[in-house]
């Protein structure tokens, strides 16, 4: 809050100009961070899907390779709804956005042990995201920054506040934190037991192969996407303690 004082018109104009420049800088930083977060989210989702394809190929199914999906080219993986429409709607309605990529195709009938191997294929994606988070977590811990600075930037990621960088290393550390947080979020979110999320494959492995299970699978296949959206809006808070704990663990803020 600005102190009340008497000033000349020229001083007032300079003060207002400085404030306008500061606000413009903050706005630019916010926009830059949103773009960076979106790009990290998309490329992390692409790596997630490519991991599914490679694991399926390792287990005997080359459907993803024949479909041209074992590539890091994001254009091969983008989905109009998951990659663009959903994140825009979420951001406009909640201030939070989430995105995904087209699922990599695979034929479970080509797998050596379809029921068990389907779970291995599914879990390859979240494991990849958690490994990415772990690698960048180790790199973040190696950066020579004061613990108080790291704590401040760590909190900024969790609260969504715009940080103030006192040096280039602050910015590098903060961007590492974003990569870590997004990949933990992707990994944990995809373990939820709702189709088409990866955790559903484990659920169907555990459930007995009965007519009731097949009816439940049909229901999930038909309504799964709507259930996922409902979970994002109303149930995502359940995951936040897990995501926050792993974020603190991977960045060394628990120690």
C-alpha atoms as a PDB file:
ATOM      1  CA  UNK A   1       0.000   0.000   0.000  1.00  0.00           C
ATOM      2  CA  UNK A   2       1.457   3.401  -0.997  1.00  0.00           C
ATOM      3  CA  UNK A   3       2.101   5.922   1.813  1.00  0.00           C
ATOM      4  CA  UNK A   4      -0.014   9.100   1.731  1.00  0.00           C
ATOM      5  CA  UNK A   5       2.144  12.127   0.969  1.00  0.00           C
ATOM      6  CA  UNK A   6       2.092  15.403  -0.907  1.00  0.00           C
ATOM      7  CA  UNK A   7       3.804  15.324  -4.254  1.00  0.00           C
ATOM      8  CA  UNK A   8       4.163  17.292  -7.424  1.00  0.00           C
ATOM      9  CA  UNK A   9       2.358  16.240 -10.579  1.00  0.00           C
ATOM     10  CA  UNK A  10       5.640  15.158 -12.183  1.00  0.00           C
ATOM     11  CA  UNK A  11       6.527  12.912  -9.230  1.00  0.00           C
ATOM     12  CA  UNK A  12       3.045  11.403  -9.279  1.00  0.00           C
ATOM     13  CA  UNK A  13       3.292  10.614 -12.968  1.00  0.00           C
ATOM     14  CA  UNK A  14       6.679   8.951 -12.529  1.00  0.00           C
ATOM     15  CA  UNK A  15       5.333   6.901  -9.655  1.00  0.00           C
ATOM     16  CA  UNK A  16       2.343   5.783 -11.724  1.00  0.00           C
ATOM     17  CA  UNK A  17       4.608   4.968 -14.681  1.00  0.00           C
ATOM     18  CA  UNK A  18       6.799   2.816 -12.431  1.00  0.00           C
ATOM     19  CA  UNK A  19       3.723   1.016 -11.084  1.00  0.00           C
ATOM     20  CA  UNK A  20       2.416   0.415 -14.616  1.00  0.00           C
ATOM     21  CA  UNK A  21       5.758  -1.029 -15.682  1.00  0.00           C
ATOM     22  CA  UNK A  22       5.820  -3.276 -12.612  1.00  0.00           C
ATOM     23  CA  UNK A  23       2.292  -4.512 -13.324  1.00  0.00           C
ATOM     24  CA  UNK A  24       3.194  -5.153 -16.963  1.00  0.00           C
ATOM     25  CA  UNK A  25       6.230  -7.171 -15.860  1.00  0.00           C
ATOM     26  CA  UNK A  26       4.115  -9.265 -13.491  1.00  0.00           C
ATOM     27  CA  UNK A  27       1.489  -9.838 -16.213  1.00  0.00           C
ATOM     28  CA  UNK A  28       4.192 -10.948 -18.639  1.00  0.00           C
ATOM     29  CA  UNK A  29       5.601 -13.364 -16.039  1.00  0.00           C
ATOM     30  CA  UNK A  30       2.161 -14.837 -15.364  1.00  0.00           C
ATOM     31  CA  UNK A  31       1.505 -15.374 -19.079  1.00  0.00           C
ATOM     32  CA  UNK A  32       4.992 -16.845 -19.583  1.00  0.00           C
ATOM     33  CA  UNK A  33       4.475 -19.267 -16.677  1.00  0.00           C
ATOM     34  CA  UNK A  34       1.069 -20.382 -17.965  1.00  0.00           C
ATOM     35  CA  UNK A  35       2.587 -21.077 -21.402  1.00  0.00           C
ATOM     36  CA  UNK A  36       5.538 -22.914 -19.835  1.00  0.00           C
ATOM     37  CA  UNK A  37       3.246 -25.007 -17.625  1.00  0.00           C
ATOM     38  CA  UNK A  38       1.054 -25.894 -20.601  1.00  0.00           C
ATOM     39  CA  UNK A  39       4.066 -26.964 -22.695  1.00  0.00           C
ATOM     40  CA  UNK A  40       5.480 -29.033 -19.818  1.00  0.00           C
ATOM     41  CA  UNK A  41       2.084 -30.669 -19.337  1.00  0.00           C
ATOM     42  CA  UNK A  42       1.758 -31.533 -23.038  1.00  0.00           C
ATOM     43  CA  UNK A  43       5.289 -32.931 -23.406  1.00  0.00           C
ATOM     44  CA  UNK A  44       4.963 -34.867 -20.144  1.00  0.00           C
ATOM     45  CA  UNK A  45       1.697 -36.364 -21.435  1.00  0.00           C
ATOM     46  CA  UNK A  46       3.445 -37.267 -24.710  1.00  0.00           C
ATOM     47  CA  UNK A  47       6.245 -39.063 -22.838  1.00  0.00           C
ATOM     48  CA  UNK A  48       3.575 -40.796 -20.761  1.00  0.00           C
ATOM     49  CA  UNK A  49       1.852 -42.134 -23.894  1.00  0.00           C
ATOM     50  CA  UNK A  50       5.093 -43.100 -25.644  1.00  0.00           C
ATOM     51  CA  UNK A  51       6.036 -45.119 -22.543  1.00  0.00           C
ATOM     52  CA  UNK A  52       2.785 -47.078 -22.906  1.00  0.00           C
ATOM     53  CA  UNK A  53       3.666 -47.882 -26.510  1.00  0.00           C
ATOM     54  CA  UNK A  54       7.226 -49.010 -25.790  1.00  0.00           C
ATOM     55  CA  UNK A  55       6.095 -51.215 -22.907  1.00  0.00           C
ATOM     56  CA  UNK A  56       3.418 -52.793 -25.102  1.00  0.00           C
ATOM     57  CA  UNK A  57       6.024 -53.447 -27.789  1.00  0.00           C
ATOM     58  CA  UNK A  58       8.362 -54.983 -25.217  1.00  0.00           C
ATOM     59  CA  UNK A  59       5.552 -57.336 -24.217  1.00  0.00           C
ATOM     60  CA  UNK A  60       4.744 -58.402 -27.772  1.00  0.00           C
ATOM     61  CA  UNK A  61       2.429 -55.808 -29.343  1.00  0.00           C
ATOM     62  CA  UNK A  62       3.711 -53.393 -32.000  1.00  0.00           C
ATOM     63  CA  UNK A  63       0.391 -51.631 -32.675  1.00  0.00           C
ATOM     64  CA  UNK A  64       1.721 -48.280 -31.442  1.00  0.00           C
ATOM     65  CA  UNK A  65       4.775 -48.469 -33.696  1.00  0.00           C
ATOM     66  CA  UNK A  66       2.675 -49.350 -36.734  1.00  0.00           C
ATOM     67  CA  UNK A  67       0.375 -46.430 -35.897  1.00  0.00           C
ATOM     68  CA  UNK A  68       3.363 -44.067 -35.850  1.00  0.00           C
ATOM     69  CA  UNK A  69       2.888 -43.234 -32.156  1.00  0.00           C
ATOM     70  CA  UNK A  70       6.354 -44.139 -30.869  1.00  0.00           C
ATOM     71  CA  UNK A  71       7.570 -40.626 -31.540  1.00  0.00           C
ATOM     72  CA  UNK A  72       8.192 -37.527 -29.426  1.00  0.00           C
ATOM     73  CA  UNK A  73       6.547 -35.361 -32.072  1.00  0.00           C
ATOM     74  CA  UNK A  74       3.641 -33.834 -30.087  1.00  0.00           C
ATOM     75  CA  UNK A  75       1.530 -33.378 -33.233  1.00  0.00           C
ATOM     76  CA  UNK A  76       1.141 -37.165 -33.401  1.00  0.00           C
ATOM     77  CA  UNK A  77      -0.292 -37.254 -29.889  1.00  0.00           C
ATOM     78  CA  UNK A  78      -2.420 -34.123 -29.495  1.00  0.00           C
ATOM     79  CA  UNK A  79      -6.134 -34.603 -28.991  1.00  0.00           C
ATOM     80  CA  UNK A  80      -8.596 -31.747 -29.729  1.00  0.00           C
ATOM     81  CA  UNK A  81     -10.563 -32.357 -26.525  1.00  0.00           C
ATOM     82  CA  UNK A  82      -7.904 -33.522 -24.039  1.00  0.00           C
ATOM     83  CA  UNK A  83      -5.112 -31.224 -25.249  1.00  0.00           C
ATOM     84  CA  UNK A  84      -7.029 -28.018 -25.979  1.00  0.00           C
ATOM     85  CA  UNK A  85     -10.752 -27.870 -25.197  1.00  0.00           C
ATOM     86  CA  UNK A  86     -10.616 -29.375 -21.691  1.00  0.00           C
ATOM     87  CA  UNK A  87      -7.682 -27.266 -20.392  1.00  0.00           C
ATOM     88  CA  UNK A  88      -9.268 -24.057 -21.730  1.00  0.00           C
ATOM     89  CA  UNK A  89     -12.648 -24.826 -20.123  1.00  0.00           C
ATOM     90  CA  UNK A  90     -11.003 -25.799 -16.826  1.00  0.00           C
ATOM     91  CA  UNK A  91      -8.857 -22.666 -16.791  1.00  0.00           C
ATOM     92  CA  UNK A  92     -11.780 -20.347 -17.552  1.00  0.00           C
ATOM     93  CA  UNK A  93     -14.045 -21.956 -14.946  1.00  0.00           C
ATOM     94  CA  UNK A  94     -11.617 -22.813 -12.149  1.00  0.00           C
ATOM     95  CA  UNK A  95      -8.315 -21.025 -12.824  1.00  0.00           C
ATOM     96  CA  UNK A  96      -6.742 -24.483 -12.929  1.00  0.00           C
ATOM     97  CA  UNK A  97      -6.021 -26.436 -16.082  1.00  0.00           C
ATOM     98  CA  UNK A  98      -5.235 -30.012 -16.925  1.00  0.00           C
ATOM     99  CA  UNK A  99      -4.450 -31.594 -20.282  1.00  0.00           C
ATOM    100  CA  UNK A 100      -3.696 -34.950 -21.820  1.00  0.00           C
ATOM    101  CA  UNK A 101      -2.817 -36.641 -25.097  1.00  0.00           C
ATOM    102  CA  UNK A 102      -4.505 -39.238 -27.287  1.00  0.00           C
ATOM    103  CA  UNK A 103      -4.162 -42.709 -25.770  1.00  0.00           C
ATOM    104  CA  UNK A 104      -1.586 -44.837 -27.575  1.00  0.00           C
ATOM    105  CA  UNK A 105      -3.344 -47.806 -29.224  1.00  0.00           C
ATOM    106  CA  UNK A 106      -2.409 -51.350 -28.314  1.00  0.00           C
ATOM    107  CA  UNK A 107      -3.951 -54.765 -28.830  1.00  0.00           C
ATOM    108  CA  UNK A 108      -4.071 -56.754 -25.568  1.00  0.00           C
ATOM    109  CA  UNK A 109      -4.543 -59.958 -27.562  1.00  0.00           C
ATOM    110  CA  UNK A 110      -0.942 -59.633 -28.777  1.00  0.00           C
ATOM    111  CA  UNK A 111       0.452 -59.494 -25.250  1.00  0.00           C
ATOM    112  CA  UNK A 112       2.056 -62.574 -23.732  1.00  0.00           C
ATOM    113  CA  UNK A 113      -0.219 -62.468 -20.672  1.00  0.00           C
ATOM    114  CA  UNK A 114      -3.063 -60.056 -21.566  1.00  0.00           C
ATOM    115  CA  UNK A 115      -4.562 -59.498 -18.083  1.00  0.00           C
ATOM    116  CA  UNK A 116      -1.283 -58.934 -16.252  1.00  0.00           C
ATOM    117  CA  UNK A 117       0.601 -57.291 -19.129  1.00  0.00           C
ATOM    118  CA  UNK A 118      -2.221 -54.773 -19.629  1.00  0.00           C
ATOM    119  CA  UNK A 119      -1.440 -53.497 -16.124  1.00  0.00           C
ATOM    120  CA  UNK A 120       2.283 -53.280 -16.966  1.00  0.00           C
ATOM    121  CA  UNK A 121       1.484 -51.276 -20.102  1.00  0.00           C
ATOM    122  CA  UNK A 122      -0.825 -48.981 -18.134  1.00  0.00           C
ATOM    123  CA  UNK A 123       1.646 -48.357 -15.306  1.00  0.00           C
ATOM    124  CA  UNK A 124       4.513 -47.556 -17.697  1.00  0.00           C
ATOM    125  CA  UNK A 125       3.007 -44.081 -18.196  1.00  0.00           C
ATOM    126  CA  UNK A 126       2.715 -42.969 -14.544  1.00  0.00           C
ATOM    127  CA  UNK A 127       6.096 -44.540 -13.719  1.00  0.00           C
ATOM    128  CA  UNK A 128       7.685 -42.509 -16.527  1.00  0.00           C
ATOM    129  CA  UNK A 129       6.196 -39.310 -15.127  1.00  0.00           C
ATOM    130  CA  UNK A 130       7.424 -40.102 -11.629  1.00  0.00           C
ATOM    131  CA  UNK A 131      10.917 -40.882 -12.971  1.00  0.00           C
ATOM    132  CA  UNK A 132      10.983 -37.517 -14.761  1.00  0.00           C
ATOM    133  CA  UNK A 133       9.967 -35.851 -11.490  1.00  0.00           C
ATOM    134  CA  UNK A 134      12.681 -37.751  -9.621  1.00  0.00           C
ATOM    135  CA  UNK A 135      15.422 -36.768 -12.092  1.00  0.00           C
ATOM    136  CA  UNK A 136      14.499 -33.076 -11.964  1.00  0.00           C
ATOM    137  CA  UNK A 137      14.090 -33.355  -8.193  1.00  0.00           C
ATOM    138  CA  UNK A 138      17.700 -34.508  -7.861  1.00  0.00           C
ATOM    139  CA  UNK A 139      18.832 -31.706 -10.182  1.00  0.00           C
ATOM    140  CA  UNK A 140      16.877 -29.168  -8.119  1.00  0.00           C
ATOM    141  CA  UNK A 141      18.557 -30.328  -4.911  1.00  0.00           C
ATOM    142  CA  UNK A 142      21.974 -29.860  -6.512  1.00  0.00           C
ATOM    143  CA  UNK A 143      21.366 -26.192  -7.312  1.00  0.00           C
ATOM    144  CA  UNK A 144      23.354 -23.941  -4.911  1.00  0.00           C
ATOM    145  CA  UNK A 145      20.506 -21.858  -3.505  1.00  0.00           C
ATOM    146  CA  UNK A 146      19.750 -20.874   0.077  1.00  0.00           C
ATOM    147  CA  UNK A 147      17.241 -23.129   1.803  1.00  0.00           C
ATOM    148  CA  UNK A 148      14.982 -20.136   2.532  1.00  0.00           C
ATOM    149  CA  UNK A 149      14.899 -19.262  -1.185  1.00  0.00           C
ATOM    150  CA  UNK A 150      14.027 -22.832  -2.108  1.00  0.00           C
ATOM    151  CA  UNK A 151      11.264 -22.895   0.500  1.00  0.00           C
ATOM    152  CA  UNK A 152       9.808 -19.642  -0.862  1.00  0.00           C
ATOM    153  CA  UNK A 153       9.791 -20.843  -4.472  1.00  0.00           C
ATOM    154  CA  UNK A 154       8.439 -24.255  -3.402  1.00  0.00           C
ATOM    155  CA  UNK A 155       5.518 -22.505  -1.690  1.00  0.00           C
ATOM    156  CA  UNK A 156       4.955 -20.319  -4.768  1.00  0.00           C
ATOM    157  CA  UNK A 157       4.357 -23.418  -6.903  1.00  0.00           C
ATOM    158  CA  UNK A 158       1.823 -24.824  -4.435  1.00  0.00           C
ATOM    159  CA  UNK A 159      -0.042 -21.539  -3.964  1.00  0.00           C
ATOM    160  CA  UNK A 160       0.139 -20.331  -7.566  1.00  0.00           C
ATOM    161  CA  UNK A 161       1.682 -17.007  -6.521  1.00  0.00           C
ATOM    162  CA  UNK A 162       4.005 -15.179  -8.915  1.00  0.00           C
ATOM    163  CA  UNK A 163       7.533 -15.451  -7.500  1.00  0.00           C
ATOM    164  CA  UNK A 164      10.218 -12.787  -7.468  1.00  0.00           C
ATOM    165  CA  UNK A 165      13.515 -14.016  -8.893  1.00  0.00           C
ATOM    166  CA  UNK A 166      16.693 -12.572  -7.377  1.00  0.00           C
ATOM    167  CA  UNK A 167      18.924 -14.310  -9.901  1.00  0.00           C
ATOM    168  CA  UNK A 168      18.967 -16.687 -12.847  1.00  0.00           C
ATOM    169  CA  UNK A 169      19.333 -19.729 -10.566  1.00  0.00           C
ATOM    170  CA  UNK A 170      16.064 -18.801  -8.883  1.00  0.00           C
ATOM    171  CA  UNK A 171      14.330 -19.035 -12.255  1.00  0.00           C
ATOM    172  CA  UNK A 172      15.998 -22.347 -13.132  1.00  0.00           C
ATOM    173  CA  UNK A 173      14.994 -23.810  -9.764  1.00  0.00           C
ATOM    174  CA  UNK A 174      11.419 -22.575 -10.118  1.00  0.00           C
ATOM    175  CA  UNK A 175      11.040 -24.069 -13.608  1.00  0.00           C
ATOM    176  CA  UNK A 176      12.480 -27.350 -12.320  1.00  0.00           C
ATOM    177  CA  UNK A 177       9.817 -27.271  -9.596  1.00  0.00           C
ATOM    178  CA  UNK A 178       7.062 -26.822 -12.174  1.00  0.00           C
ATOM    179  CA  UNK A 179       8.342 -29.826 -14.158  1.00  0.00           C
ATOM    180  CA  UNK A 180       8.480 -31.906 -10.978  1.00  0.00           C
ATOM    181  CA  UNK A 181       5.032 -30.884  -9.764  1.00  0.00           C
ATOM    182  CA  UNK A 182       3.302 -31.442 -13.108  1.00  0.00           C
ATOM    183  CA  UNK A 183       4.835 -34.880 -13.583  1.00  0.00           C
ATOM    184  CA  UNK A 184       3.908 -35.972 -10.063  1.00  0.00           C
ATOM    185  CA  UNK A 185       0.394 -34.681 -10.697  1.00  0.00           C
ATOM    186  CA  UNK A 186       0.166 -36.585 -13.994  1.00  0.00           C
ATOM    187  CA  UNK A 187       1.561 -39.766 -12.484  1.00  0.00           C
ATOM    188  CA  UNK A 188      -0.721 -39.807  -9.438  1.00  0.00           C
ATOM    189  CA  UNK A 189      -3.835 -38.642 -11.295  1.00  0.00           C
ATOM    190  CA  UNK A 190      -3.508 -41.426 -13.864  1.00  0.00           C
ATOM    191  CA  UNK A 191      -3.497 -44.026 -11.087  1.00  0.00           C
ATOM    192  CA  UNK A 192      -7.113 -43.184 -10.200  1.00  0.00           C
ATOM    193  CA  UNK A 193      -9.325 -46.251 -10.710  1.00  0.00           C
ATOM    194  CA  UNK A 194     -11.551 -44.757 -13.422  1.00  0.00           C
ATOM    195  CA  UNK A 195     -11.489 -45.560 -17.127  1.00  0.00           C
ATOM    196  CA  UNK A 196      -9.765 -44.382 -19.262  1.00  0.00           C
ATOM    197  CA  UNK A 197      -7.138 -43.639 -16.575  1.00  0.00           C
ATOM    198  CA  UNK A 198      -4.339 -46.156 -16.099  1.00  0.00           C
ATOM    199  CA  UNK A 199      -5.351 -47.193 -12.600  1.00  0.00           C
ATOM    200  CA  UNK A 200      -8.519 -48.803 -13.984  1.00  0.00           C
ATOM    201  CA  UNK A 201      -6.406 -51.608 -15.500  1.00  0.00           C
ATOM    202  CA  UNK A 202      -5.293 -52.650 -12.022  1.00  0.00           C
ATOM    203  CA  UNK A 203      -8.901 -52.520 -10.814  1.00  0.00           C
ATOM    204  CA  UNK A 204     -10.047 -54.858 -13.597  1.00  0.00           C
ATOM    205  CA  UNK A 205      -7.140 -57.219 -12.878  1.00  0.00           C
ATOM    206  CA  UNK A 206      -8.210 -57.476  -9.244  1.00  0.00           C
ATOM    207  CA  UNK A 207     -11.936 -57.905  -9.944  1.00  0.00           C
ATOM    208  CA  UNK A 208     -13.052 -61.449 -10.770  1.00  0.00           C
ATOM    209  CA  UNK A 209     -14.038 -62.134 -14.412  1.00  0.00           C
ATOM    210  CA  UNK A 210     -17.765 -62.348 -13.720  1.00  0.00           C
ATOM    211  CA  UNK A 211     -20.804 -60.990 -15.646  1.00  0.00           C
ATOM    212  CA  UNK A 212     -21.078 -58.247 -13.022  1.00  0.00           C
ATOM    213  CA  UNK A 213     -17.503 -57.169 -13.671  1.00  0.00           C
ATOM    214  CA  UNK A 214     -18.093 -57.055 -17.426  1.00  0.00           C
ATOM    215  CA  UNK A 215     -21.201 -54.913 -16.905  1.00  0.00           C
ATOM    216  CA  UNK A 216     -19.173 -52.599 -14.694  1.00  0.00           C
ATOM    217  CA  UNK A 217     -16.462 -52.402 -17.368  1.00  0.00           C
ATOM    218  CA  UNK A 218     -19.050 -51.549 -20.004  1.00  0.00           C
ATOM    219  CA  UNK A 219     -20.448 -48.811 -17.757  1.00  0.00           C
ATOM    220  CA  UNK A 220     -16.972 -47.380 -17.199  1.00  0.00           C
ATOM    221  CA  UNK A 221     -16.129 -47.498 -20.907  1.00  0.00           C
ATOM    222  CA  UNK A 222     -19.353 -45.654 -21.726  1.00  0.00           C
ATOM    223  CA  UNK A 223     -19.296 -43.026 -18.982  1.00  0.00           C
ATOM    224  CA  UNK A 224     -15.641 -42.985 -17.934  1.00  0.00           C
ATOM    225  CA  UNK A 225     -14.711 -39.644 -19.472  1.00  0.00           C
ATOM    226  CA  UNK A 226     -17.622 -37.907 -17.750  1.00  0.00           C
ATOM    227  CA  UNK A 227     -16.649 -39.567 -14.468  1.00  0.00           C
ATOM    228  CA  UNK A 228     -13.078 -38.322 -14.919  1.00  0.00           C
ATOM    229  CA  UNK A 229     -14.301 -34.756 -15.470  1.00  0.00           C
ATOM    230  CA  UNK A 230     -16.526 -35.001 -12.386  1.00  0.00           C
ATOM    231  CA  UNK A 231     -13.556 -36.255 -10.414  1.00  0.00           C
ATOM    232  CA  UNK A 232     -11.390 -33.354 -11.636  1.00  0.00           C
ATOM    233  CA  UNK A 233     -14.032 -30.830 -10.522  1.00  0.00           C
ATOM    234  CA  UNK A 234     -15.191 -32.415  -7.272  1.00  0.00           C
ATOM    235  CA  UNK A 235     -12.710 -35.078  -6.167  1.00  0.00           C
ATOM    236  CA  UNK A 236      -9.281 -33.825  -7.115  1.00  0.00           C
ATOM    237  CA  UNK A 237      -8.677 -32.466  -3.629  1.00  0.00           C
ATOM    238  CA  UNK A 238      -8.408 -36.068  -2.408  1.00  0.00           C
ATOM    239  CA  UNK A 239      -5.155 -36.423  -4.335  1.00  0.00           C
ATOM    240  CA  UNK A 240      -3.555 -33.136  -3.264  1.00  0.00           C
ATOM    241  CA  UNK A 241      -2.092 -34.381   0.075  1.00  0.00           C
ATOM    242  CA  UNK A 242      -0.385 -37.235  -1.812  1.00  0.00           C
ATOM    243  CA  UNK A 243       0.848 -34.939  -4.587  1.00  0.00           C
ATOM    244  CA  UNK A 244       2.085 -32.338  -2.081  1.00  0.00           C
ATOM    245  CA  UNK A 245       3.905 -34.949   0.007  1.00  0.00           C
ATOM    246  CA  UNK A 246       5.647 -36.437  -3.026  1.00  0.00           C
ATOM    247  CA  UNK A 247       6.485 -32.939  -4.294  1.00  0.00           C
ATOM    248  CA  UNK A 248       8.165 -32.165  -0.972  1.00  0.00           C
ATOM    249  CA  UNK A 249       9.902 -35.565  -0.962  1.00  0.00           C
ATOM    250  CA  UNK A 250      11.257 -35.327  -4.501  1.00  0.00           C
ATOM    251  CA  UNK A 251      12.561 -31.789  -3.970  1.00  0.00           C
ATOM    252  CA  UNK A 252      14.159 -32.513  -0.596  1.00  0.00           C
ATOM    253  CA  UNK A 253      11.889 -30.128   1.290  1.00  0.00           C
ATOM    254  CA  UNK A 254      10.988 -32.852   3.821  1.00  0.00           C
ATOM    255  CA  UNK A 255      14.552 -33.020   5.099  1.00  0.00           C
END
